[in-house]
Amino acid sequence: ALFKEFMNSTLSDSTKNPNTWIDELINMCRLLKEVGMNKTKEEIVMHFLNNLPCKYDTMVQILKYELTMPNATLSLSKLHLHLCGTYQRLNLKPNNNNSKTDEAYVVYHPFK
């Protein structure tokens, strides 16, 4: 039941603070480890990256691209910082209700 809960856990809404979700998943991983179902850090990181709302897609693409580099690692603490930074940027409220917001999309491709 705990394993199924872990596998089905997602950050369903970009307006929700990811800190709570991260803490819940890390606690689930600790409980799973106690019953002999150890998750590697890489599995946990990939679970985070694969279960985020679509508004996090740019960050996810960048981090997955970085992971393709030789000797690349993505620690849970670095991922946590990226998630919290993205959450803060997504939920910034403009001071002026009449102001328009601009969006920028970035796609990273390796150089040939």
PDB file of N, CA and C in Angstrom:
ATOM      1  N   ALA A   1       0.824  -1.191   0.000  1.00  0.00           N
ATOM      2  CA  ALA A   1       0.000   0.000   0.000  1.00  0.00           C
ATOM      3  C   ALA A   1       0.870   1.257   0.000  1.00  0.00           C
ATOM      4  N   LEU A   2       1.954   1.248   0.782  1.00  0.00           N
ATOM      5  CA  LEU A   2       2.847   2.395   0.846  1.00  0.00           C
ATOM      6  C   LEU A   2       3.579   2.582  -0.482  1.00  0.00           C
ATOM      7  N   PHE A   3       3.995   1.475  -1.108  1.00  0.00           N
ATOM      8  CA  PHE A   3       4.675   1.544  -2.390  1.00  0.00           C
ATOM      9  C   PHE A   3       3.744   2.128  -3.458  1.00  0.00           C
ATOM     10  N   LYS A   4       2.493   1.690  -3.456  1.00  0.00           N
ATOM     11  CA  LYS A   4       1.506   2.199  -4.408  1.00  0.00           C
ATOM     12  C   LYS A   4       1.270   3.693  -4.168  1.00  0.00           C
ATOM     13  N   GLU A   5       1.191   4.087  -2.904  1.00  0.00           N
ATOM     14  CA  GLU A   5       1.010   5.500  -2.567  1.00  0.00           C
ATOM     15  C   GLU A   5       2.186   6.325  -3.078  1.00  0.00           C
ATOM     16  N   PHE A   6       3.404   5.787  -2.916  1.00  0.00           N
ATOM     17  CA  PHE A   6       4.605   6.466  -3.416  1.00  0.00           C
ATOM     18  C   PHE A   6       4.542   6.611  -4.932  1.00  0.00           C
ATOM     19  N   MET A   7       4.227   5.533  -5.625  1.00  0.00           N
ATOM     20  CA  MET A   7       4.207   5.543  -7.087  1.00  0.00           C
ATOM     21  C   MET A   7       3.124   6.470  -7.645  1.00  0.00           C
ATOM     22  N   ASN A   8       2.018   6.621  -6.931  1.00  0.00           N
ATOM     23  CA  ASN A   8       0.916   7.462  -7.400  1.00  0.00           C
ATOM     24  C   ASN A   8       1.019   8.914  -6.939  1.00  0.00           C
ATOM     25  N   SER A   9       2.030   9.225  -6.152  1.00  0.00           N
ATOM     26  CA  SER A   9       2.174  10.570  -5.598  1.00  0.00           C
ATOM     27  C   SER A   9       2.663  11.537  -6.665  1.00  0.00           C
ATOM     28  N   THR A  10       1.914  12.625  -6.854  1.00  0.00           N
ATOM     29  CA  THR A  10       2.294  13.673  -7.801  1.00  0.00           C
ATOM     30  C   THR A  10       2.074  15.038  -7.165  1.00  0.00           C
ATOM     31  N   LEU A  11       2.758  16.019  -7.702  1.00  0.00           N
ATOM     32  CA  LEU A  11       2.457  17.405  -7.354  1.00  0.00           C
ATOM     33  C   LEU A  11       1.419  17.831  -8.374  1.00  0.00           C
ATOM     34  N   SER A  12       0.169  17.773  -7.994  1.00  0.00           N
ATOM     35  CA  SER A  12      -0.934  17.908  -8.945  1.00  0.00           C
ATOM     36  C   SER A  12      -1.199  19.334  -9.414  1.00  0.00           C
ATOM     37  N   ASP A  13      -0.739  20.310  -8.662  1.00  0.00           N
ATOM     38  CA  ASP A  13      -1.093  21.694  -8.977  1.00  0.00           C
ATOM     39  C   ASP A  13       0.128  22.584  -8.771  1.00  0.00           C
ATOM     40  N   SER A  14       0.411  23.420  -9.753  1.00  0.00           N
ATOM     41  CA  SER A  14       1.591  24.285  -9.665  1.00  0.00           C
ATOM     42  C   SER A  14       1.454  25.380  -8.618  1.00  0.00           C
ATOM     43  N   THR A  15       0.242  25.589  -8.090  1.00  0.00           N
ATOM     44  CA  THR A  15       0.071  26.600  -7.044  1.00  0.00           C
ATOM     45  C   THR A  15       0.335  26.025  -5.653  1.00  0.00           C
ATOM     46  N   LYS A  16       0.521  24.703  -5.563  1.00  0.00           N
ATOM     47  CA  LYS A  16       0.834  24.080  -4.273  1.00  0.00           C
ATOM     48  C   LYS A  16       2.334  24.119  -4.033  1.00  0.00           C
ATOM     49  N   ASN A  17       2.692  24.414  -2.797  1.00  0.00           N
ATOM     50  CA  ASN A  17       4.094  24.475  -2.422  1.00  0.00           C
ATOM     51  C   ASN A  17       4.711  23.076  -2.508  1.00  0.00           C
ATOM     52  N   PRO A  18       5.802  22.905  -3.269  1.00  0.00           N
ATOM     53  CA  PRO A  18       6.401  21.580  -3.416  1.00  0.00           C
ATOM     54  C   PRO A  18       7.084  21.068  -2.156  1.00  0.00           C
ATOM     55  N   ASN A  19       7.361  21.948  -1.182  1.00  0.00           N
ATOM     56  CA  ASN A  19       8.036  21.504   0.046  1.00  0.00           C
ATOM     57  C   ASN A  19       7.268  20.396   0.748  1.00  0.00           C
ATOM     58  N   THR A  20       5.958  20.537   0.837  1.00  0.00           N
ATOM     59  CA  THR A  20       5.131  19.531   1.508  1.00  0.00           C
ATOM     60  C   THR A  20       5.206  18.206   0.768  1.00  0.00           C
ATOM     61  N   TRP A  21       5.084  18.249  -0.550  1.00  0.00           N
ATOM     62  CA  TRP A  21       5.144  17.032  -1.367  1.00  0.00           C
ATOM     63  C   TRP A  21       6.508  16.355  -1.252  1.00  0.00           C
ATOM     64  N   ILE A  22       7.567  17.154  -1.296  1.00  0.00           N
ATOM     65  CA  ILE A  22       8.920  16.606  -1.182  1.00  0.00           C
ATOM     66  C   ILE A  22       9.092  15.914   0.164  1.00  0.00           C
ATOM     67  N   ASP A  23       8.671  16.574   1.229  1.00  0.00           N
ATOM     68  CA  ASP A  23       8.789  15.988   2.570  1.00  0.00           C
ATOM     69  C   ASP A  23       8.004  14.689   2.684  1.00  0.00           C
ATOM     70  N   GLU A  24       6.784  14.667   2.123  1.00  0.00           N
ATOM     71  CA  GLU A  24       5.967  13.451   2.161  1.00  0.00           C
ATOM     72  C   GLU A  24       6.655  12.299   1.431  1.00  0.00           C
ATOM     73  N   LEU A  25       7.197  12.579   0.246  1.00  0.00           N
ATOM     74  CA  LEU A  25       7.855  11.524  -0.519  1.00  0.00           C
ATOM     75  C   LEU A  25       9.110  11.014   0.173  1.00  0.00           C
ATOM     76  N   ILE A  26       9.877  11.910   0.747  1.00  0.00           N
ATOM     77  CA  ILE A  26      11.097  11.485   1.445  1.00  0.00           C
ATOM     78  C   ILE A  26      10.738  10.645   2.660  1.00  0.00           C
ATOM     79  N   ASN A  27       9.679  11.017   3.379  1.00  0.00           N
ATOM     80  CA  ASN A  27       9.227  10.194   4.507  1.00  0.00           C
ATOM     81  C   ASN A  27       8.745   8.831   4.043  1.00  0.00           C
ATOM     82  N   MET A  28       8.026   8.783   2.905  1.00  0.00           N
ATOM     83  CA  MET A  28       7.594   7.499   2.352  1.00  0.00           C
ATOM     84  C   MET A  28       8.798   6.629   2.010  1.00  0.00           C
ATOM     85  N   CYS A  29       9.835   7.248   1.463  1.00  0.00           N
ATOM     86  CA  CYS A  29      11.045   6.499   1.106  1.00  0.00           C
ATOM     87  C   CYS A  29      11.713   5.921   2.353  1.00  0.00           C
ATOM     88  N   ARG A  30      11.724   6.689   3.435  1.00  0.00           N
ATOM     89  CA  ARG A  30      12.294   6.186   4.690  1.00  0.00           C
ATOM     90  C   ARG A  30      11.498   4.981   5.208  1.00  0.00           C
ATOM     91  N   LEU A  31      10.170   5.082   5.142  1.00  0.00           N
ATOM     92  CA  LEU A  31       9.324   3.967   5.581  1.00  0.00           C
ATOM     93  C   LEU A  31       9.500   2.754   4.678  1.00  0.00           C
ATOM     94  N   LEU A  32       9.615   2.978   3.376  1.00  0.00           N
ATOM     95  CA  LEU A  32       9.846   1.871   2.447  1.00  0.00           C
ATOM     96  C   LEU A  32      11.186   1.186   2.737  1.00  0.00           C
ATOM     97  N   LYS A  33      12.200   1.982   3.067  1.00  0.00           N
ATOM     98  CA  LYS A  33      13.516   1.434   3.388  1.00  0.00           C
ATOM     99  C   LYS A  33      13.446   0.544   4.627  1.00  0.00           C
ATOM    100  N   GLU A  34      12.628   0.963   5.610  1.00  0.00           N
ATOM    101  CA  GLU A  34      12.479   0.183   6.843  1.00  0.00           C
ATOM    102  C   GLU A  34      11.873  -1.196   6.591  1.00  0.00           C
ATOM    103  N   VAL A  35      11.047  -1.311   5.548  1.00  0.00           N
ATOM    104  CA  VAL A  35      10.436  -2.607   5.242  1.00  0.00           C
ATOM    105  C   VAL A  35      11.169  -3.329   4.108  1.00  0.00           C
ATOM    106  N   GLY A  36      12.377  -2.833   3.776  1.00  0.00           N
ATOM    107  CA  GLY A  36      13.211  -3.524   2.812  1.00  0.00           C
ATOM    108  C   GLY A  36      13.006  -3.144   1.357  1.00  0.00           C
ATOM    109  N   MET A  37      12.251  -2.113   1.084  1.00  0.00           N
ATOM    110  CA  MET A  37      12.025  -1.661  -0.293  1.00  0.00           C
ATOM    111  C   MET A  37      12.775  -0.350  -0.501  1.00  0.00           C
ATOM    112  N   ASN A  38      14.080  -0.466  -0.630  1.00  0.00           N
ATOM    113  CA  ASN A  38      14.938   0.712  -0.707  1.00  0.00           C
ATOM    114  C   ASN A  38      14.873   1.347  -2.098  1.00  0.00           C
ATOM    115  N   LYS A  39      14.667   2.635  -2.148  1.00  0.00           N
ATOM    116  CA  LYS A  39      14.678   3.405  -3.388  1.00  0.00           C
ATOM    117  C   LYS A  39      16.019   4.120  -3.481  1.00  0.00           C
ATOM    118  N   THR A  40      16.649   4.051  -4.656  1.00  0.00           N
ATOM    119  CA  THR A  40      17.908   4.776  -4.839  1.00  0.00           C
ATOM    120  C   THR A  40      17.612   6.259  -5.001  1.00  0.00           C
ATOM    121  N   LYS A  41      18.627   7.071  -4.771  1.00  0.00           N
ATOM    122  CA  LYS A  41      18.456   8.516  -4.935  1.00  0.00           C
ATOM    123  C   LYS A  41      18.078   8.853  -6.377  1.00  0.00           C
ATOM    124  N   GLU A  42      18.635   8.110  -7.337  1.00  0.00           N
ATOM    125  CA  GLU A  42      18.313   8.353  -8.745  1.00  0.00           C
ATOM    126  C   GLU A  42      16.841   8.063  -9.022  1.00  0.00           C
ATOM    127  N   GLU A  43      16.303   6.994  -8.430  1.00  0.00           N
ATOM    128  CA  GLU A  43      14.889   6.666  -8.611  1.00  0.00           C
ATOM    129  C   GLU A  43      13.985   7.754  -8.008  1.00  0.00           C
ATOM    130  N   ILE A  44      14.389   8.258  -6.870  1.00  0.00           N
ATOM    131  CA  ILE A  44      13.607   9.306  -6.210  1.00  0.00           C
ATOM    132  C   ILE A  44      13.633  10.590  -7.038  1.00  0.00           C
ATOM    133  N   VAL A  45      14.821  10.964  -7.524  1.00  0.00           N
ATOM    134  CA  VAL A  45      14.949  12.164  -8.352  1.00  0.00           C
ATOM    135  C   VAL A  45      14.092  12.024  -9.611  1.00  0.00           C
ATOM    136  N   MET A  46      14.143  10.877 -10.270  1.00  0.00           N
ATOM    137  CA  MET A  46      13.358  10.679 -11.489  1.00  0.00           C
ATOM    138  C   MET A  46      11.864  10.695 -11.175  1.00  0.00           C
ATOM    139  N   HIS A  47      11.470  10.186 -10.012  1.00  0.00           N
ATOM    140  CA  HIS A  47      10.056  10.235  -9.628  1.00  0.00           C
ATOM    141  C   HIS A  47       9.607  11.691  -9.484  1.00  0.00           C
ATOM    142  N   PHE A  48      10.436  12.515  -8.847  1.00  0.00           N
ATOM    143  CA  PHE A  48      10.114  13.935  -8.722  1.00  0.00           C
ATOM    144  C   PHE A  48       9.962  14.568 -10.104  1.00  0.00           C
ATOM    145  N   LEU A  49      10.946  14.348 -10.968  1.00  0.00           N
ATOM    146  CA  LEU A  49      10.941  14.986 -12.285  1.00  0.00           C
ATOM    147  C   LEU A  49       9.770  14.541 -13.153  1.00  0.00           C
ATOM    148  N   ASN A  50       9.354  13.288 -13.009  1.00  0.00           N
ATOM    149  CA  ASN A  50       8.285  12.747 -13.853  1.00  0.00           C
ATOM    150  C   ASN A  50       6.883  12.996 -13.321  1.00  0.00           C
ATOM    151  N   ASN A  51       6.757  13.593 -12.147  1.00  0.00           N
ATOM    152  CA  ASN A  51       5.442  13.766 -11.532  1.00  0.00           C
ATOM    153  C   ASN A  51       5.170  15.202 -11.109  1.00  0.00           C
ATOM    154  N   LEU A  52       5.588  16.123 -11.954  1.00  0.00           N
ATOM    155  CA  LEU A  52       5.367  17.547 -11.711  1.00  0.00           C
ATOM    156  C   LEU A  52       4.316  18.077 -12.679  1.00  0.00           C
ATOM    157  N   PRO A  53       3.639  19.162 -12.320  1.00  0.00           N
ATOM    158  CA  PRO A  53       2.679  19.785 -13.244  1.00  0.00           C
ATOM    159  C   PRO A  53       3.387  20.304 -14.504  1.00  0.00           C
ATOM    160  N   CYS A  54       2.628  20.490 -15.551  1.00  0.00           N
ATOM    161  CA  CYS A  54       3.224  20.904 -16.833  1.00  0.00           C
ATOM    162  C   CYS A  54       3.899  22.271 -16.758  1.00  0.00           C
ATOM    163  N   LYS A  55       3.532  23.104 -15.807  1.00  0.00           N
ATOM    164  CA  LYS A  55       4.186  24.411 -15.682  1.00  0.00           C
ATOM    165  C   LYS A  55       5.658  24.289 -15.270  1.00  0.00           C
ATOM    166  N   TYR A  56       6.060  23.109 -14.799  1.00  0.00           N
ATOM    167  CA  TYR A  56       7.449  22.868 -14.429  1.00  0.00           C
ATOM    168  C   TYR A  56       8.243  22.259 -15.589  1.00  0.00           C
ATOM    169  N   ASP A  57       7.638  22.098 -16.754  1.00  0.00           N
ATOM    170  CA  ASP A  57       8.276  21.384 -17.860  1.00  0.00           C
ATOM    171  C   ASP A  57       9.622  21.962 -18.283  1.00  0.00           C
ATOM    172  N   THR A  58       9.740  23.274 -18.318  1.00  0.00           N
ATOM    173  CA  THR A  58      11.006  23.881 -18.733  1.00  0.00           C
ATOM    174  C   THR A  58      12.119  23.494 -17.769  1.00  0.00           C
ATOM    175  N   MET A  59      11.847  23.593 -16.473  1.00  0.00           N
ATOM    176  CA  MET A  59      12.852  23.205 -15.485  1.00  0.00           C
ATOM    177  C   MET A  59      13.197  21.728 -15.628  1.00  0.00           C
ATOM    178  N   VAL A  60      12.180  20.886 -15.822  1.00  0.00           N
ATOM    179  CA  VAL A  60      12.402  19.445 -15.947  1.00  0.00           C
ATOM    180  C   VAL A  60      13.259  19.143 -17.172  1.00  0.00           C
ATOM    181  N   GLN A  61      12.974  19.784 -18.307  1.00  0.00           N
ATOM    182  CA  GLN A  61      13.765  19.565 -19.516  1.00  0.00           C
ATOM    183  C   GLN A  61      15.218  19.958 -19.309  1.00  0.00           C
ATOM    184  N   ILE A  62      15.443  21.077 -18.657  1.00  0.00           N
ATOM    185  CA  ILE A  62      16.815  21.531 -18.407  1.00  0.00           C
ATOM    186  C   ILE A  62      17.547  20.543 -17.507  1.00  0.00           C
ATOM    187  N   LEU A  63      16.900  20.100 -16.425  1.00  0.00           N
ATOM    188  CA  LEU A  63      17.553  19.176 -15.501  1.00  0.00           C
ATOM    189  C   LEU A  63      17.797  17.811 -16.144  1.00  0.00           C
ATOM    190  N   LYS A  64      16.847  17.339 -16.936  1.00  0.00           N
ATOM    191  CA  LYS A  64      17.052  16.058 -17.633  1.00  0.00           C
ATOM    192  C   LYS A  64      18.178  16.173 -18.655  1.00  0.00           C
ATOM    193  N   TYR A  65      18.268  17.320 -19.319  1.00  0.00           N
ATOM    194  CA  TYR A  65      19.378  17.545 -20.251  1.00  0.00           C
ATOM    195  C   TYR A  65      20.707  17.530 -19.502  1.00  0.00           C
ATOM    196  N   GLU A  66      20.759  18.201 -18.365  1.00  0.00           N
ATOM    197  CA  GLU A  66      21.990  18.221 -17.566  1.00  0.00           C
ATOM    198  C   GLU A  66      22.392  16.809 -17.142  1.00  0.00           C
ATOM    199  N   LEU A  67      21.392  15.956 -16.892  1.00  0.00           N
ATOM    200  CA  LEU A  67      21.692  14.583 -16.469  1.00  0.00           C
ATOM    201  C   LEU A  67      22.287  13.737 -17.597  1.00  0.00           C
ATOM    202  N   THR A  68      22.161  14.193 -18.847  1.00  0.00           N
ATOM    203  CA  THR A  68      22.756  13.448 -19.960  1.00  0.00           C
ATOM    204  C   THR A  68      24.248  13.727 -20.096  1.00  0.00           C
ATOM    205  N   MET A  69      24.745  14.725 -19.398  1.00  0.00           N
ATOM    206  CA  MET A  69      26.161  15.065 -19.453  1.00  0.00           C
ATOM    207  C   MET A  69      26.988  14.006 -18.720  1.00  0.00           C
ATOM    208  N   PRO A  70      28.206  13.767 -19.184  1.00  0.00           N
ATOM    209  CA  PRO A  70      29.064  12.802 -18.489  1.00  0.00           C
ATOM    210  C   PRO A  70      29.295  13.218 -17.038  1.00  0.00           C
ATOM    211  N   ASN A  71      29.249  12.259 -16.156  1.00  0.00           N
ATOM    212  CA  ASN A  71      29.486  12.459 -14.720  1.00  0.00           C
ATOM    213  C   ASN A  71      28.484  13.411 -14.073  1.00  0.00           C
ATOM    214  N   ALA A  72      27.332  13.584 -14.674  1.00  0.00           N
ATOM    215  CA  ALA A  72      26.321  14.491 -14.116  1.00  0.00           C
ATOM    216  C   ALA A  72      25.581  13.808 -12.975  1.00  0.00           C
ATOM    217  N   THR A  73      25.332  14.568 -11.940  1.00  0.00           N
ATOM    218  CA  THR A  73      24.524  14.079 -10.831  1.00  0.00           C
ATOM    219  C   THR A  73      23.553  15.182 -10.434  1.00  0.00           C
ATOM    220  N   LEU A  74      22.430  14.770  -9.935  1.00  0.00           N
ATOM    221  CA  LEU A  74      21.436  15.724  -9.449  1.00  0.00           C
ATOM    222  C   LEU A  74      21.023  15.259  -8.060  1.00  0.00           C
ATOM    223  N   SER A  75      21.504  15.956  -7.056  1.00  0.00           N
ATOM    224  CA  SER A  75      21.194  15.571  -5.684  1.00  0.00           C
ATOM    225  C   SER A  75      19.779  16.004  -5.333  1.00  0.00           C
ATOM    226  N   LEU A  76      19.239  15.388  -4.293  1.00  0.00           N
ATOM    227  CA  LEU A  76      17.910  15.771  -3.829  1.00  0.00           C
ATOM    228  C   LEU A  76      17.886  17.221  -3.364  1.00  0.00           C
ATOM    229  N   SER A  77      18.962  17.678  -2.742  1.00  0.00           N
ATOM    230  CA  SER A  77      18.989  19.063  -2.261  1.00  0.00           C
ATOM    231  C   SER A  77      19.009  20.050  -3.432  1.00  0.00           C
ATOM    232  N   LYS A  78      19.749  19.739  -4.500  1.00  0.00           N
ATOM    233  CA  LYS A  78      19.770  20.609  -5.675  1.00  0.00           C
ATOM    234  C   LYS A  78      18.399  20.613  -6.353  1.00  0.00           C
ATOM    235  N   LEU A  79      17.784  19.441  -6.465  1.00  0.00           N
ATOM    236  CA  LEU A  79      16.450  19.351  -7.046  1.00  0.00           C
ATOM    237  C   LEU A  79      15.452  20.150  -6.210  1.00  0.00           C
ATOM    238  N   HIS A  80      15.562  20.034  -4.900  1.00  0.00           N
ATOM    239  CA  HIS A  80      14.685  20.763  -3.979  1.00  0.00           C
ATOM    240  C   HIS A  80      14.801  22.269  -4.214  1.00  0.00           C
ATOM    241  N   LEU A  81      16.020  22.768  -4.362  1.00  0.00           N
ATOM    242  CA  LEU A  81      16.228  24.194  -4.618  1.00  0.00           C
ATOM    243  C   LEU A  81      15.598  24.620  -5.947  1.00  0.00           C
ATOM    244  N   HIS A  82      15.768  23.804  -6.982  1.00  0.00           N
ATOM    245  CA  HIS A  82      15.178  24.118  -8.284  1.00  0.00           C
ATOM    246  C   HIS A  82      13.651  24.143  -8.209  1.00  0.00           C
ATOM    247  N   LEU A  83      13.080  23.163  -7.530  1.00  0.00           N
ATOM    248  CA  LEU A  83      11.623  23.111  -7.400  1.00  0.00           C
ATOM    249  C   LEU A  83      11.081  24.324  -6.656  1.00  0.00           C
ATOM    250  N   CYS A  84      11.727  24.675  -5.557  1.00  0.00           N
ATOM    251  CA  CYS A  84      11.266  25.823  -4.768  1.00  0.00           C
ATOM    252  C   CYS A  84      11.432  27.127  -5.539  1.00  0.00           C
ATOM    253  N   GLY A  85      12.539  27.263  -6.274  1.00  0.00           N
ATOM    254  CA  GLY A  85      12.751  28.459  -7.086  1.00  0.00           C
ATOM    255  C   GLY A  85      11.708  28.577  -8.189  1.00  0.00           C
ATOM    256  N   THR A  86      11.405  27.474  -8.835  1.00  0.00           N
ATOM    257  CA  THR A  86      10.389  27.481  -9.890  1.00  0.00           C
ATOM    258  C   THR A  86       9.024  27.800  -9.307  1.00  0.00           C
ATOM    259  N   TYR A  87       8.713  27.213  -8.160  1.00  0.00           N
ATOM    260  CA  TYR A  87       7.440  27.492  -7.493  1.00  0.00           C
ATOM    261  C   TYR A  87       7.304  28.985  -7.192  1.00  0.00           C
ATOM    262  N   GLN A  88       8.363  29.590  -6.677  1.00  0.00           N
ATOM    263  CA  GLN A  88       8.315  31.014  -6.349  1.00  0.00           C
ATOM    264  C   GLN A  88       8.110  31.864  -7.601  1.00  0.00           C
ATOM    265  N   ARG A  89       8.807  31.520  -8.693  1.00  0.00           N
ATOM    266  CA  ARG A  89       8.635  32.278  -9.939  1.00  0.00           C
ATOM    267  C   ARG A  89       7.231  32.110 -10.499  1.00  0.00           C
ATOM    268  N   LEU A  90       6.677  30.903 -10.413  1.00  0.00           N
ATOM    269  CA  LEU A  90       5.339  30.657 -10.951  1.00  0.00           C
ATOM    270  C   LEU A  90       4.259  31.383 -10.165  1.00  0.00           C
ATOM    271  N   ASN A  91       4.505  31.602  -8.903  1.00  0.00           N
ATOM    272  CA  ASN A  91       3.463  32.161  -8.052  1.00  0.00           C
ATOM    273  C   ASN A  91       3.709  33.602  -7.648  1.00  0.00           C
ATOM    274  N   LEU A  92       4.580  34.302  -8.362  1.00  0.00           N
ATOM    275  CA  LEU A  92       4.768  35.728  -8.113  1.00  0.00           C
ATOM    276  C   LEU A  92       3.541  36.464  -8.604  1.00  0.00           C
ATOM    277  N   LYS A  93       3.029  37.321  -7.774  1.00  0.00           N
ATOM    278  CA  LYS A  93       1.857  38.107  -8.133  1.00  0.00           C
ATOM    279  C   LYS A  93       2.301  39.514  -8.516  1.00  0.00           C
ATOM    280  N   PRO A  94       1.905  39.981  -9.697  1.00  0.00           N
ATOM    281  CA  PRO A  94       2.258  41.359 -10.048  1.00  0.00           C
ATOM    282  C   PRO A  94       1.537  42.353  -9.136  1.00  0.00           C
ATOM    283  N   ASN A  95       2.201  43.456  -8.825  1.00  0.00           N
ATOM    284  CA  ASN A  95       1.616  44.474  -7.943  1.00  0.00           C
ATOM    285  C   ASN A  95       0.468  45.215  -8.613  1.00  0.00           C
ATOM    286  N   ASN A  96       0.534  45.334  -9.907  1.00  0.00           N
ATOM    287  CA  ASN A  96      -0.471  46.083 -10.636  1.00  0.00           C
ATOM    288  C   ASN A  96      -1.353  45.098 -11.398  1.00  0.00           C
ATOM    289  N   ASN A  97      -2.654  45.125 -11.143  1.00  0.00           N
ATOM    290  CA  ASN A  97      -3.572  44.195 -11.809  1.00  0.00           C
ATOM    291  C   ASN A  97      -3.661  44.432 -13.306  1.00  0.00           C
ATOM    292  N   ASN A  98      -3.315  45.633 -13.779  1.00  0.00           N
ATOM    293  CA  ASN A  98      -3.376  45.931 -15.195  1.00  0.00           C
ATOM    294  C   ASN A  98      -2.106  45.552 -15.938  1.00  0.00           C
ATOM    295  N   SER A  99      -1.074  45.161 -15.201  1.00  0.00           N
ATOM    296  CA  SER A  99       0.183  44.850 -15.859  1.00  0.00           C
ATOM    297  C   SER A  99       0.080  43.527 -16.603  1.00  0.00           C
ATOM    298  N   LYS A 100       0.783  43.458 -17.706  1.00  0.00           N
ATOM    299  CA  LYS A 100       0.808  42.233 -18.508  1.00  0.00           C
ATOM    300  C   LYS A 100       2.055  41.450 -18.146  1.00  0.00           C
ATOM    301  N   THR A 101       1.959  40.153 -18.226  1.00  0.00           N
ATOM    302  CA  THR A 101       3.117  39.325 -17.963  1.00  0.00           C
ATOM    303  C   THR A 101       3.608  38.734 -19.269  1.00  0.00           C
ATOM    304  N   ASP A 102       4.899  38.617 -19.399  1.00  0.00           N
ATOM    305  CA  ASP A 102       5.509  38.035 -20.578  1.00  0.00           C
ATOM    306  C   ASP A 102       5.978  36.633 -20.254  1.00  0.00           C
ATOM    307  N   GLU A 103       5.960  35.787 -21.258  1.00  0.00           N
ATOM    308  CA  GLU A 103       6.452  34.432 -21.091  1.00  0.00           C
ATOM    309  C   GLU A 103       7.595  34.214 -22.059  1.00  0.00           C
ATOM    310  N   ALA A 104       8.570  33.464 -21.639  1.00  0.00           N
ATOM    311  CA  ALA A 104       9.684  33.103 -22.498  1.00  0.00           C
ATOM    312  C   ALA A 104       9.867  31.600 -22.435  1.00  0.00           C
ATOM    313  N   TYR A 105      10.047  31.001 -23.565  1.00  0.00           N
ATOM    314  CA  TYR A 105      10.251  29.558 -23.636  1.00  0.00           C
ATOM    315  C   TYR A 105      11.661  29.293 -24.142  1.00  0.00           C
ATOM    316  N   VAL A 106      12.321  28.340 -23.508  1.00  0.00           N
ATOM    317  CA  VAL A 106      13.687  28.015 -23.864  1.00  0.00           C
ATOM    318  C   VAL A 106      13.760  26.530 -24.162  1.00  0.00           C
ATOM    319  N   VAL A 107      14.421  26.205 -25.265  1.00  0.00           N
ATOM    320  CA  VAL A 107      14.641  24.804 -25.601  1.00  0.00           C
ATOM    321  C   VAL A 107      16.139  24.622 -25.741  1.00  0.00           C
ATOM    322  N   TYR A 108      16.657  23.642 -25.069  1.00  0.00           N
ATOM    323  CA  TYR A 108      18.094  23.375 -25.120  1.00  0.00           C
ATOM    324  C   TYR A 108      18.348  22.176 -26.018  1.00  0.00           C
ATOM    325  N   HIS A 109      19.266  22.376 -26.957  1.00  0.00           N
ATOM    326  CA  HIS A 109      19.686  21.289 -27.827  1.00  0.00           C
ATOM    327  C   HIS A 109      21.209  21.208 -27.743  1.00  0.00           C
ATOM    328  N   PRO A 110      21.751  20.003 -27.739  1.00  0.00           N
ATOM    329  CA  PRO A 110      23.220  19.890 -27.687  1.00  0.00           C
ATOM    330  C   PRO A 110      23.842  20.420 -28.972  1.00  0.00           C
ATOM    331  N   PHE A 111      25.010  21.025 -28.861  1.00  0.00           N
ATOM    332  CA  PHE A 111      25.744  21.482 -30.032  1.00  0.00           C
ATOM    333  C   PHE A 111      26.357  20.289 -30.732  1.00  0.00           C
ATOM    334  N   LYS A 112      26.395  20.364 -32.033  1.00  0.00           N
ATOM    335  CA  LYS A 112      27.003  19.257 -32.807  1.00  0.00           C
ATOM    336  C   LYS A 112      28.381  19.629 -33.268  1.00  0.00           C
TER     337      LYS A 112
END
